[in-house]
Amino acid sequence: MKKLILGFVLSSFLMVGTACSTNTEKTTSQSSTEQKQGELHLTLSLVEDEKEFATKEVTAKDSDTVLEILKANFDVKEDGGFVTSIDGKEQDPKANKYWMYYINDKEADKGASEMTVSDSDKIEWRLNEFK
């Protein structure tokens, strides 16, 4: 009888110990997921005359604007809210060449300082002749 009670008590401790360790693993996994929440993974590209000259895989916060993301990854000059130069490539008003940006191959409908993006978006800045 004592062996039966001892076996029951040991089995109970084993089940409780197993349940606690499984719960800890779930908590650790949830914590990792929460840390990544709000972080975006993006592709940022620069194009001049339809030729890509720079591409970066970047991370950003979901609250970052397109302009903030660009400035965090390239040397940017702006004038009056308009991007005039990226990594030394300047727009040329005489040649009617200006920086424009696209998200997932669609021309943006807001200024870069107002536009936010979603995870896996492709942001492309193009220096092309404006026709």
C-alpha atoms as a PDB file:
ATOM      1  CA  MET A   1       0.000   0.000   0.000  1.00  0.00           C
ATOM      2  CA  LYS A   2       2.853   2.389   0.867  1.00  0.00           C
ATOM      3  CA  LYS A   3       4.443   1.685  -2.544  1.00  0.00           C
ATOM      4  CA  LEU A   4       1.158   2.518  -4.269  1.00  0.00           C
ATOM      5  CA  ILE A   5       0.820   5.848  -2.409  1.00  0.00           C
ATOM      6  CA  LEU A   6       4.493   6.675  -3.017  1.00  0.00           C
ATOM      7  CA  GLY A   7       4.065   5.907  -6.742  1.00  0.00           C
ATOM      8  CA  PHE A   8       0.967   8.119  -6.895  1.00  0.00           C
ATOM      9  CA  VAL A   9       2.760  11.035  -5.176  1.00  0.00           C
ATOM     10  CA  LEU A  10       5.812  10.742  -7.460  1.00  0.00           C
ATOM     11  CA  SER A  11       3.580  10.607 -10.555  1.00  0.00           C
ATOM     12  CA  SER A  12       1.759  13.729  -9.386  1.00  0.00           C
ATOM     13  CA  PHE A  13       5.025  15.645  -8.938  1.00  0.00           C
ATOM     14  CA  LEU A  14       6.213  14.510 -12.366  1.00  0.00           C
ATOM     15  CA  MET A  15       3.007  15.728 -14.066  1.00  0.00           C
ATOM     16  CA  VAL A  16       3.099  19.077 -12.252  1.00  0.00           C
ATOM     17  CA  GLY A  17       6.777  19.568 -13.151  1.00  0.00           C
ATOM     18  CA  THR A  18       6.124  18.767 -16.821  1.00  0.00           C
ATOM     19  CA  ALA A  19       3.154  21.133 -16.995  1.00  0.00           C
ATOM     20  CA  CYS A  20       5.197  23.992 -15.538  1.00  0.00           C
ATOM     21  CA  SER A  21       8.081  23.555 -18.004  1.00  0.00           C
ATOM     22  CA  THR A  22       5.703  23.504 -21.002  1.00  0.00           C
ATOM     23  CA  ASN A  23       4.073  26.715 -19.800  1.00  0.00           C
ATOM     24  CA  THR A  24       7.486  28.404 -19.511  1.00  0.00           C
ATOM     25  CA  GLU A  25       8.309  27.516 -23.112  1.00  0.00           C
ATOM     26  CA  LYS A  26       5.034  29.038 -24.319  1.00  0.00           C
ATOM     27  CA  THR A  27       5.680  32.215 -22.336  1.00  0.00           C
ATOM     28  CA  THR A  28       9.175  32.542 -23.829  1.00  0.00           C
ATOM     29  CA  SER A  29       7.775  32.035 -27.332  1.00  0.00           C
ATOM     30  CA  GLN A  30       5.061  34.647 -26.760  1.00  0.00           C
ATOM     31  CA  SER A  31       7.653  37.106 -25.466  1.00  0.00           C
ATOM     32  CA  SER A  32       9.750  36.718 -28.645  1.00  0.00           C
ATOM     33  CA  THR A  33       6.688  37.324 -30.816  1.00  0.00           C
ATOM     34  CA  GLU A  34       5.743  40.448 -28.860  1.00  0.00           C
ATOM     35  CA  GLN A  35       9.246  41.899 -29.289  1.00  0.00           C
ATOM     36  CA  LYS A  36       8.929  41.612 -33.080  1.00  0.00           C
ATOM     37  CA  GLN A  37       5.481  43.156 -33.168  1.00  0.00           C
ATOM     38  CA  GLY A  38       5.636  46.606 -34.727  1.00  0.00           C
ATOM     39  CA  GLU A  39       8.852  45.830 -36.637  1.00  0.00           C
ATOM     40  CA  LEU A  40       8.680  45.917 -40.431  1.00  0.00           C
ATOM     41  CA  HIS A  41      10.976  44.201 -42.927  1.00  0.00           C
ATOM     42  CA  LEU A  42      11.235  46.206 -46.141  1.00  0.00           C
ATOM     43  CA  THR A  43      13.151  46.473 -49.396  1.00  0.00           C
ATOM     44  CA  LEU A  44      14.490  49.948 -50.155  1.00  0.00           C
ATOM     45  CA  SER A  45      15.804  50.613 -53.679  1.00  0.00           C
ATOM     46  CA  LEU A  46      17.254  53.563 -55.581  1.00  0.00           C
ATOM     47  CA  VAL A  47      16.794  53.834 -59.350  1.00  0.00           C
ATOM     48  CA  GLU A  48      18.116  56.357 -61.880  1.00  0.00           C
ATOM     49  CA  ASP A  49      16.955  56.341 -65.498  1.00  0.00           C
ATOM     50  CA  GLU A  50      15.324  52.943 -64.900  1.00  0.00           C
ATOM     51  CA  LYS A  51      18.606  51.397 -63.653  1.00  0.00           C
ATOM     52  CA  GLU A  52      18.743  50.251 -60.039  1.00  0.00           C
ATOM     53  CA  PHE A  53      21.952  51.383 -58.353  1.00  0.00           C
ATOM     54  CA  ALA A  54      21.294  50.514 -54.695  1.00  0.00           C
ATOM     55  CA  THR A  55      19.090  48.068 -52.795  1.00  0.00           C
ATOM     56  CA  LYS A  56      18.902  47.342 -49.088  1.00  0.00           C
ATOM     57  CA  GLU A  57      16.825  44.983 -46.972  1.00  0.00           C
ATOM     58  CA  VAL A  58      15.930  47.148 -43.978  1.00  0.00           C
ATOM     59  CA  THR A  59      13.879  47.050 -40.796  1.00  0.00           C
ATOM     60  CA  ALA A  60      11.760  49.888 -39.487  1.00  0.00           C
ATOM     61  CA  LYS A  61       9.078  50.598 -36.922  1.00  0.00           C
ATOM     62  CA  ASP A  62       5.499  50.442 -38.141  1.00  0.00           C
ATOM     63  CA  SER A  63       5.130  54.128 -37.235  1.00  0.00           C
ATOM     64  CA  ASP A  64       8.122  55.265 -39.355  1.00  0.00           C
ATOM     65  CA  THR A  65       7.398  57.317 -42.462  1.00  0.00           C
ATOM     66  CA  VAL A  66       8.924  56.658 -45.876  1.00  0.00           C
ATOM     67  CA  LEU A  67      11.132  59.735 -45.420  1.00  0.00           C
ATOM     68  CA  GLU A  68      12.367  58.568 -41.991  1.00  0.00           C
ATOM     69  CA  ILE A  69      13.181  55.133 -43.417  1.00  0.00           C
ATOM     70  CA  LEU A  70      15.073  56.697 -46.337  1.00  0.00           C
ATOM     71  CA  LYS A  71      17.064  59.022 -44.041  1.00  0.00           C
ATOM     72  CA  ALA A  72      17.968  56.151 -41.715  1.00  0.00           C
ATOM     73  CA  ASN A  73      19.561  54.230 -44.589  1.00  0.00           C
ATOM     74  CA  PHE A  74      20.947  56.782 -47.079  1.00  0.00           C
ATOM     75  CA  ASP A  75      22.468  60.274 -47.115  1.00  0.00           C
ATOM     76  CA  VAL A  76      19.487  62.505 -47.948  1.00  0.00           C
ATOM     77  CA  LYS A  77      19.133  66.213 -48.710  1.00  0.00           C
ATOM     78  CA  GLU A  78      15.765  67.898 -48.885  1.00  0.00           C
ATOM     79  CA  ASP A  79      14.378  71.339 -49.592  1.00  0.00           C
ATOM     80  CA  GLY A  80      10.913  72.430 -48.531  1.00  0.00           C
ATOM     81  CA  GLY A  81       9.856  68.864 -47.806  1.00  0.00           C
ATOM     82  CA  PHE A  82      11.044  67.554 -51.190  1.00  0.00           C
ATOM     83  CA  VAL A  83      13.943  65.112 -51.503  1.00  0.00           C
ATOM     84  CA  THR A  84      16.599  66.762 -53.678  1.00  0.00           C
ATOM     85  CA  SER A  85      19.510  64.334 -53.315  1.00  0.00           C
ATOM     86  CA  ILE A  86      20.033  60.729 -52.227  1.00  0.00           C
ATOM     87  CA  ASP A  87      23.590  59.448 -51.744  1.00  0.00           C
ATOM     88  CA  GLY A  88      24.949  62.262 -53.924  1.00  0.00           C
ATOM     89  CA  LYS A  89      22.530  61.706 -56.813  1.00  0.00           C
ATOM     90  CA  GLU A  90      20.844  65.084 -57.195  1.00  0.00           C
ATOM     91  CA  GLN A  91      17.686  65.988 -59.032  1.00  0.00           C
ATOM     92  CA  ASP A  92      18.154  68.272 -62.035  1.00  0.00           C
ATOM     93  CA  PRO A  93      15.366  70.806 -62.597  1.00  0.00           C
ATOM     94  CA  LYS A  94      16.928  71.933 -65.926  1.00  0.00           C
ATOM     95  CA  ALA A  95      16.651  68.367 -67.253  1.00  0.00           C
ATOM     96  CA  ASN A  96      13.263  67.983 -65.523  1.00  0.00           C
ATOM     97  CA  LYS A  97      14.622  65.068 -63.419  1.00  0.00           C
ATOM     98  CA  TYR A  98      13.143  64.673 -59.950  1.00  0.00           C
ATOM     99  CA  TRP A  99      13.052  62.110 -57.163  1.00  0.00           C
ATOM    100  CA  MET A 100       9.706  60.295 -56.929  1.00  0.00           C
ATOM    101  CA  TYR A 101       8.917  57.291 -54.773  1.00  0.00           C
ATOM    102  CA  TYR A 102       6.815  54.207 -55.345  1.00  0.00           C
ATOM    103  CA  ILE A 103       5.475  51.581 -52.973  1.00  0.00           C
ATOM    104  CA  ASN A 104       5.067  48.115 -54.452  1.00  0.00           C
ATOM    105  CA  ASP A 105       5.440  49.634 -57.959  1.00  0.00           C
ATOM    106  CA  LYS A 106       2.630  52.152 -57.429  1.00  0.00           C
ATOM    107  CA  GLU A 107       3.308  55.882 -57.421  1.00  0.00           C
ATOM    108  CA  ALA A 108       2.731  57.309 -53.958  1.00  0.00           C
ATOM    109  CA  ASP A 109      -0.260  59.558 -53.394  1.00  0.00           C
ATOM    110  CA  LYS A 110       1.137  61.304 -50.284  1.00  0.00           C
ATOM    111  CA  GLY A 111       4.327  63.073 -49.344  1.00  0.00           C
ATOM    112  CA  ALA A 112       7.139  60.889 -48.015  1.00  0.00           C
ATOM    113  CA  SER A 113       6.914  62.583 -44.608  1.00  0.00           C
ATOM    114  CA  GLU A 114       3.270  61.481 -44.284  1.00  0.00           C
ATOM    115  CA  MET A 115       3.297  57.979 -45.795  1.00  0.00           C
ATOM    116  CA  THR A 116       3.741  54.867 -43.648  1.00  0.00           C
ATOM    117  CA  VAL A 117       4.201  51.352 -45.007  1.00  0.00           C
ATOM    118  CA  SER A 118       3.392  47.730 -44.189  1.00  0.00           C
ATOM    119  CA  ASP A 119       5.576  44.683 -43.614  1.00  0.00           C
ATOM    120  CA  SER A 120       7.261  43.322 -46.775  1.00  0.00           C
ATOM    121  CA  ASP A 121       6.597  46.488 -48.796  1.00  0.00           C
ATOM    122  CA  LYS A 122       9.063  47.534 -51.476  1.00  0.00           C
ATOM    123  CA  ILE A 123       9.923  51.245 -51.408  1.00  0.00           C
ATOM    124  CA  GLU A 124      11.573  52.443 -54.590  1.00  0.00           C
ATOM    125  CA  TRP A 125      12.960  55.942 -55.084  1.00  0.00           C
ATOM    126  CA  ARG A 126      13.307  56.827 -58.779  1.00  0.00           C
ATOM    127  CA  LEU A 127      15.280  59.704 -60.272  1.00  0.00           C
ATOM    128  CA  ASN A 128      13.683  60.006 -63.691  1.00  0.00           C
ATOM    129  CA  GLU A 129      12.697  62.668 -66.152  1.00  0.00           C
ATOM    130  CA  PHE A 130       9.282  64.039 -65.334  1.00  0.00           C
ATOM    131  CA  LYS A 131       7.206  64.222 -68.516  1.00  0.00           C
END
